[in-house]
Amino acid sequence: MTYSELALAIFVLLVTPGPTNTLVAMGAAEQGWFRTIRLIPAELLGYLATTLPLSILGAQLLEAVPMAKAAVTVVAALWVMWLALSMWRVPSMGTGRPTVTARRVAVTTLLNPKALIFGLVLLPASNMWTSAGNFVLFSAEVVAVAMIWAALGASLRRNGRLQTGMPARWRRAASVWLAVLAMYLFGRAAGLA
């Protein structure tokens, strides 16, 4: 795969709506764009914590423990379903406490199934210099895509309101989307999707 093909593949996979992107958009809708970009290091660390080891040891791990991929997928599905339920129950506007935190973004990204694709398919370690360049590209794209999703979420704010919280209809829509993603993940783990 050429460098430009890799860049495009990473971008397309990153920009696809998923649990991390949903949280970043929700965070920006609640807190605004500038406060949300502070969550980007948590997303980047979550991705790197998964993709780096997978790119180096992933193939051997899957050969040694064939159920590892299914187990990670089930854990990810449980986490995303928990997020969906907790986001559904959060009061809407003016609670004073943001629902999207760096910890939630980091854990969600760590368990994001996209990380499996990055680590095992797009970024497997071939040699040190190529891998380093690929991870620099990956990191830059993670930051850029997170900023795009934060801008999208910030555009949902009414009149640039700076209060914490998210309109109930957007929060519920995001919660339903997360539940759909969780069900899809359960289906993948069961071999149905």
C-alpha atoms as a PDB file:
ATOM      1  CA  MET A   1       0.000   0.000   0.000  1.00  0.00           C
ATOM      2  CA  THR A   2       1.409   3.395  -0.975  1.00  0.00           C
ATOM      3  CA  TYR A   3       1.708   6.214   1.535  1.00  0.00           C
ATOM      4  CA  SER A   4      -1.180   8.151  -0.071  1.00  0.00           C
ATOM      5  CA  GLU A   5      -3.380   5.020  -0.130  1.00  0.00           C
ATOM      6  CA  LEU A   6      -2.590   4.451   3.535  1.00  0.00           C
ATOM      7  CA  ALA A   7      -3.414   8.080   4.350  1.00  0.00           C
ATOM      8  CA  LEU A   8      -6.762   7.799   2.569  1.00  0.00           C
ATOM      9  CA  ALA A   9      -7.610   4.446   4.213  1.00  0.00           C
ATOM     10  CA  ILE A  10      -6.806   5.827   7.674  1.00  0.00           C
ATOM     11  CA  PHE A  11      -8.857   8.973   7.043  1.00  0.00           C
ATOM     12  CA  VAL A  12     -11.920   7.111   5.745  1.00  0.00           C
ATOM     13  CA  LEU A  13     -11.909   4.718   8.693  1.00  0.00           C
ATOM     14  CA  LEU A  14     -11.331   7.486  11.244  1.00  0.00           C
ATOM     15  CA  VAL A  15     -14.026   9.808   9.906  1.00  0.00           C
ATOM     16  CA  THR A  16     -16.669   7.049   9.885  1.00  0.00           C
ATOM     17  CA  PRO A  17     -19.198   7.626  12.690  1.00  0.00           C
ATOM     18  CA  GLY A  18     -18.367   5.489  15.682  1.00  0.00           C
ATOM     19  CA  PRO A  19     -18.346   5.617  19.467  1.00  0.00           C
ATOM     20  CA  THR A  20     -15.318   7.902  19.818  1.00  0.00           C
ATOM     21  CA  ASN A  21     -16.513  10.333  17.150  1.00  0.00           C
ATOM     22  CA  THR A  22     -19.958  10.405  18.757  1.00  0.00           C
ATOM     23  CA  LEU A  23     -18.438  11.269  22.140  1.00  0.00           C
ATOM     24  CA  VAL A  24     -16.248  14.008  20.670  1.00  0.00           C
ATOM     25  CA  ALA A  25     -19.250  15.550  18.893  1.00  0.00           C
ATOM     26  CA  MET A  26     -21.334  15.307  22.087  1.00  0.00           C
ATOM     27  CA  GLY A  27     -18.524  16.895  24.081  1.00  0.00           C
ATOM     28  CA  ALA A  28     -18.368  19.833  21.693  1.00  0.00           C
ATOM     29  CA  ALA A  29     -22.141  20.240  21.755  1.00  0.00           C
ATOM     30  CA  GLU A  30     -21.964  20.368  25.555  1.00  0.00           C
ATOM     31  CA  GLN A  31     -18.765  22.293  26.128  1.00  0.00           C
ATOM     32  CA  GLY A  32     -17.887  24.033  22.870  1.00  0.00           C
ATOM     33  CA  TRP A  33     -15.071  23.430  20.416  1.00  0.00           C
ATOM     34  CA  PHE A  34     -12.182  24.914  22.432  1.00  0.00           C
ATOM     35  CA  ARG A  35     -12.915  22.883  25.556  1.00  0.00           C
ATOM     36  CA  THR A  36     -13.415  19.724  23.536  1.00  0.00           C
ATOM     37  CA  ILE A  37     -10.079  19.864  21.753  1.00  0.00           C
ATOM     38  CA  ARG A  38      -8.573  19.214  25.181  1.00  0.00           C
ATOM     39  CA  LEU A  39     -10.054  15.702  24.877  1.00  0.00           C
ATOM     40  CA  ILE A  40      -8.019  14.936  21.750  1.00  0.00           C
ATOM     41  CA  PRO A  41      -4.885  13.779  23.620  1.00  0.00           C
ATOM     42  CA  ALA A  42      -7.065  11.216  25.450  1.00  0.00           C
ATOM     43  CA  GLU A  43      -8.353   9.927  22.099  1.00  0.00           C
ATOM     44  CA  LEU A  44      -4.857   9.764  20.624  1.00  0.00           C
ATOM     45  CA  LEU A  45      -3.481   7.929  23.669  1.00  0.00           C
ATOM     46  CA  GLY A  46      -6.393   5.477  23.537  1.00  0.00           C
ATOM     47  CA  TYR A  47      -5.713   4.688  19.890  1.00  0.00           C
ATOM     48  CA  LEU A  48      -1.941   4.395  20.348  1.00  0.00           C
ATOM     49  CA  ALA A  49      -2.321   2.183  23.427  1.00  0.00           C
ATOM     50  CA  THR A  50      -4.190  -0.313  21.259  1.00  0.00           C
ATOM     51  CA  THR A  51      -2.680   0.060  17.800  1.00  0.00           C
ATOM     52  CA  LEU A  52       1.012   0.086  18.735  1.00  0.00           C
ATOM     53  CA  PRO A  53       0.985  -3.291  20.530  1.00  0.00           C
ATOM     54  CA  LEU A  54      -1.343  -4.776  17.917  1.00  0.00           C
ATOM     55  CA  SER A  55       0.863  -3.653  15.055  1.00  0.00           C
ATOM     56  CA  ILE A  56       3.891  -5.272  16.678  1.00  0.00           C
ATOM     57  CA  LEU A  57       2.416  -8.385  18.326  1.00  0.00           C
ATOM     58  CA  GLY A  58      -1.102  -8.663  16.894  1.00  0.00           C
ATOM     59  CA  ALA A  59      -0.598 -11.472  14.400  1.00  0.00           C
ATOM     60  CA  GLN A  60       1.146 -13.683  16.964  1.00  0.00           C
ATOM     61  CA  LEU A  61      -1.523 -12.907  19.583  1.00  0.00           C
ATOM     62  CA  LEU A  62      -4.393 -13.878  17.274  1.00  0.00           C
ATOM     63  CA  GLU A  63      -2.635 -17.127  16.342  1.00  0.00           C
ATOM     64  CA  ALA A  64      -1.958 -17.983  19.990  1.00  0.00           C
ATOM     65  CA  VAL A  65      -5.402 -16.948  21.282  1.00  0.00           C
ATOM     66  CA  PRO A  66      -7.976 -17.152  18.475  1.00  0.00           C
ATOM     67  CA  MET A  67     -10.787 -15.926  20.746  1.00  0.00           C
ATOM     68  CA  ALA A  68      -8.944 -12.706  21.631  1.00  0.00           C
ATOM     69  CA  LYS A  69     -10.571 -10.685  18.836  1.00  0.00           C
ATOM     70  CA  ALA A  70     -14.071 -11.846  19.799  1.00  0.00           C
ATOM     71  CA  ALA A  71     -13.388 -11.154  23.475  1.00  0.00           C
ATOM     72  CA  VAL A  72     -12.174  -7.609  22.749  1.00  0.00           C
ATOM     73  CA  THR A  73     -15.234  -7.040  20.538  1.00  0.00           C
ATOM     74  CA  VAL A  74     -17.601  -8.176  23.325  1.00  0.00           C
ATOM     75  CA  VAL A  75     -15.874  -5.917  25.875  1.00  0.00           C
ATOM     76  CA  ALA A  76     -16.109  -3.011  23.416  1.00  0.00           C
ATOM     77  CA  ALA A  77     -19.806  -3.737  22.808  1.00  0.00           C
ATOM     78  CA  LEU A  78     -20.511  -3.804  26.559  1.00  0.00           C
ATOM     79  CA  TRP A  79     -18.690  -0.492  27.061  1.00  0.00           C
ATOM     80  CA  VAL A  80     -20.521   1.195  24.161  1.00  0.00           C
ATOM     81  CA  MET A  81     -23.881  -0.094  25.436  1.00  0.00           C
ATOM     82  CA  TRP A  82     -23.077   1.234  28.901  1.00  0.00           C
ATOM     83  CA  LEU A  83     -22.227   4.612  27.322  1.00  0.00           C
ATOM     84  CA  ALA A  84     -25.519   4.582  25.407  1.00  0.00           C
ATOM     85  CA  LEU A  85     -27.512   3.892  28.576  1.00  0.00           C
ATOM     86  CA  SER A  86     -25.646   6.444  30.657  1.00  0.00           C
ATOM     87  CA  MET A  87     -25.997   9.132  27.961  1.00  0.00           C
ATOM     88  CA  TRP A  88     -29.746   8.454  27.737  1.00  0.00           C
ATOM     89  CA  ARG A  89     -30.192   9.088  31.472  1.00  0.00           C
ATOM     90  CA  VAL A  90     -28.123  12.283  31.691  1.00  0.00           C
ATOM     91  CA  PRO A  91     -30.182  15.440  32.283  1.00  0.00           C
ATOM     92  CA  SER A  92     -30.187  17.703  29.232  1.00  0.00           C
ATOM     93  CA  MET A  93     -29.216  21.347  29.617  1.00  0.00           C
ATOM     94  CA  GLY A  94     -27.557  23.261  32.421  1.00  0.00           C
ATOM     95  CA  THR A  95     -26.453  20.442  34.711  1.00  0.00           C
ATOM     96  CA  GLY A  96     -23.105  22.110  35.329  1.00  0.00           C
ATOM     97  CA  ARG A  97     -21.209  18.859  34.804  1.00  0.00           C
ATOM     98  CA  PRO A  98     -20.061  17.625  31.386  1.00  0.00           C
ATOM     99  CA  THR A  99     -20.984  14.052  30.475  1.00  0.00           C
ATOM    100  CA  VAL A 100     -18.074  13.609  28.064  1.00  0.00           C
ATOM    101  CA  THR A 101     -14.778  13.383  29.924  1.00  0.00           C
ATOM    102  CA  ALA A 102     -11.222  12.581  28.904  1.00  0.00           C
ATOM    103  CA  ARG A 103     -11.508   9.261  30.735  1.00  0.00           C
ATOM    104  CA  ARG A 104     -14.607   8.243  28.785  1.00  0.00           C
ATOM    105  CA  VAL A 105     -12.996   9.254  25.506  1.00  0.00           C
ATOM    106  CA  ALA A 106      -9.789   7.343  26.329  1.00  0.00           C
ATOM    107  CA  VAL A 107     -11.569   4.125  27.383  1.00  0.00           C
ATOM    108  CA  THR A 108     -13.981   4.282  24.439  1.00  0.00           C
ATOM    109  CA  THR A 109     -11.111   4.765  22.013  1.00  0.00           C
ATOM    110  CA  LEU A 110      -9.046   2.040  23.661  1.00  0.00           C
ATOM    111  CA  LEU A 111     -11.943  -0.368  23.074  1.00  0.00           C
ATOM    112  CA  ASN A 112     -12.894   1.025  19.660  1.00  0.00           C
ATOM    113  CA  PRO A 113     -13.011  -1.800  17.088  1.00  0.00           C
ATOM    114  CA  LYS A 114     -11.425   0.557  14.547  1.00  0.00           C
ATOM    115  CA  ALA A 115      -8.208   0.208  16.548  1.00  0.00           C
ATOM    116  CA  LEU A 116      -8.145  -3.505  15.682  1.00  0.00           C
ATOM    117  CA  ILE A 117      -8.277  -2.665  11.983  1.00  0.00           C
ATOM    118  CA  PHE A 118      -5.564  -0.041  12.338  1.00  0.00           C
ATOM    119  CA  GLY A 119      -3.243  -2.255  14.359  1.00  0.00           C
ATOM    120  CA  LEU A 120      -3.770  -5.533  12.532  1.00  0.00           C
ATOM    121  CA  VAL A 121      -4.473  -4.448   8.948  1.00  0.00           C
ATOM    122  CA  LEU A 122      -3.361  -0.898   8.150  1.00  0.00           C
ATOM    123  CA  LEU A 123      -0.387  -0.350  10.467  1.00  0.00           C
ATOM    124  CA  PRO A 124       1.335  -3.701  10.986  1.00  0.00           C
ATOM    125  CA  ALA A 125       5.009  -3.292  11.776  1.00  0.00           C
ATOM    126  CA  SER A 126       7.218  -3.985   8.788  1.00  0.00           C
ATOM    127  CA  ASN A 127      10.374  -2.096   9.691  1.00  0.00           C
ATOM    128  CA  MET A 128      11.110   0.541  12.300  1.00  0.00           C
ATOM    129  CA  TRP A 129      11.331   3.568   9.959  1.00  0.00           C
ATOM    130  CA  THR A 130       8.263   2.752   7.906  1.00  0.00           C
ATOM    131  CA  SER A 131       6.257   2.002  11.047  1.00  0.00           C
ATOM    132  CA  ALA A 132       7.374   5.257  12.690  1.00  0.00           C
ATOM    133  CA  GLY A 133       6.322   7.265   9.632  1.00  0.00           C
ATOM    134  CA  ASN A 134       2.996   5.457   9.460  1.00  0.00           C
ATOM    135  CA  PHE A 135       2.280   6.192  13.122  1.00  0.00           C
ATOM    136  CA  VAL A 136       3.155   9.876  12.687  1.00  0.00           C
ATOM    137  CA  LEU A 137       0.668   9.988   9.802  1.00  0.00           C
ATOM    138  CA  PHE A 138      -1.922   8.094  11.860  1.00  0.00           C
ATOM    139  CA  SER A 139      -1.494  10.432  14.852  1.00  0.00           C
ATOM    140  CA  ALA A 140      -1.858  13.553  12.695  1.00  0.00           C
ATOM    141  CA  GLU A 141      -5.024  12.172  11.133  1.00  0.00           C
ATOM    142  CA  VAL A 142      -6.502  11.227  14.521  1.00  0.00           C
ATOM    143  CA  VAL A 143      -6.063  14.844  15.646  1.00  0.00           C
ATOM    144  CA  ALA A 144      -7.473  16.292  12.397  1.00  0.00           C
ATOM    145  CA  VAL A 145     -10.546  14.032  12.367  1.00  0.00           C
ATOM    146  CA  ALA A 146     -11.235  14.687  16.062  1.00  0.00           C
ATOM    147  CA  MET A 147     -11.188  18.420  15.309  1.00  0.00           C
ATOM    148  CA  ILE A 148     -13.679  17.867  12.466  1.00  0.00           C
ATOM    149  CA  TRP A 149     -16.045  15.942  14.755  1.00  0.00           C
ATOM    150  CA  ALA A 150     -15.632  18.583  17.469  1.00  0.00           C
ATOM    151  CA  ALA A 151     -16.554  21.282  14.937  1.00  0.00           C
ATOM    152  CA  LEU A 152     -19.611  19.262  13.927  1.00  0.00           C
ATOM    153  CA  GLY A 153     -20.670  18.914  17.549  1.00  0.00           C
ATOM    154  CA  ALA A 154     -20.037  22.586  18.276  1.00  0.00           C
ATOM    155  CA  SER A 155     -22.317  23.495  15.370  1.00  0.00           C
ATOM    156  CA  LEU A 156     -25.191  21.850  17.295  1.00  0.00           C
ATOM    157  CA  ARG A 157     -24.987  24.444  20.056  1.00  0.00           C
ATOM    158  CA  ARG A 158     -27.792  26.987  19.971  1.00  0.00           C
ATOM    159  CA  ASN A 159     -26.632  30.594  19.588  1.00  0.00           C
ATOM    160  CA  GLY A 160     -23.138  29.655  20.797  1.00  0.00           C
ATOM    161  CA  ARG A 161     -24.528  29.011  24.284  1.00  0.00           C
ATOM    162  CA  LEU A 162     -21.734  28.280  26.743  1.00  0.00           C
ATOM    163  CA  GLN A 163     -23.723  26.363  29.336  1.00  0.00           C
ATOM    164  CA  THR A 164     -22.975  22.734  29.989  1.00  0.00           C
ATOM    165  CA  GLY A 165     -25.353  20.153  28.658  1.00  0.00           C
ATOM    166  CA  MET A 166     -26.721  19.057  25.341  1.00  0.00           C
ATOM    167  CA  PRO A 167     -30.215  19.428  23.926  1.00  0.00           C
ATOM    168  CA  ALA A 168     -32.219  16.335  24.876  1.00  0.00           C
ATOM    169  CA  ARG A 169     -33.010  15.334  21.283  1.00  0.00           C
ATOM    170  CA  TRP A 170     -29.319  15.354  20.282  1.00  0.00           C
ATOM    171  CA  ARG A 171     -28.268  13.502  23.412  1.00  0.00           C
ATOM    172  CA  ARG A 172     -30.953  10.862  22.881  1.00  0.00           C
ATOM    173  CA  ALA A 173     -30.061  10.527  19.175  1.00  0.00           C
ATOM    174  CA  ALA A 174     -26.406  10.000  20.104  1.00  0.00           C
ATOM    175  CA  SER A 175     -27.466   7.477  22.743  1.00  0.00           C
ATOM    176  CA  VAL A 176     -29.531   5.529  20.195  1.00  0.00           C
ATOM    177  CA  TRP A 177     -26.619   5.599  17.726  1.00  0.00           C
ATOM    178  CA  LEU A 178     -24.266   4.222  20.391  1.00  0.00           C
ATOM    179  CA  ALA A 179     -26.783   1.459  21.183  1.00  0.00           C
ATOM    180  CA  VAL A 180     -26.973   0.563  17.478  1.00  0.00           C
ATOM    181  CA  LEU A 181     -23.172   0.392  17.335  1.00  0.00           C
ATOM    182  CA  ALA A 182     -23.127  -1.816  20.441  1.00  0.00           C
ATOM    183  CA  MET A 183     -25.660  -4.199  18.886  1.00  0.00           C
ATOM    184  CA  TYR A 184     -23.583  -4.330  15.702  1.00  0.00           C
ATOM    185  CA  LEU A 185     -20.506  -5.209  17.771  1.00  0.00           C
ATOM    186  CA  PHE A 186     -22.408  -7.948  19.597  1.00  0.00           C
ATOM    187  CA  GLY A 187     -23.458  -9.267  16.185  1.00  0.00           C
ATOM    188  CA  ARG A 188     -19.852  -9.265  14.969  1.00  0.00           C
ATOM    189  CA  ALA A 189     -18.679 -11.118  18.050  1.00  0.00           C
ATOM    190  CA  ALA A 190     -21.389 -13.716  17.493  1.00  0.00           C
ATOM    191  CA  GLY A 191     -20.473 -14.033  13.820  1.00  0.00           C
ATOM    192  CA  LEU A 192     -23.746 -12.505  12.611  1.00  0.00           C
ATOM    193  CA  ALA A 193     -22.362  -9.257  11.141  1.00  0.00           C
END
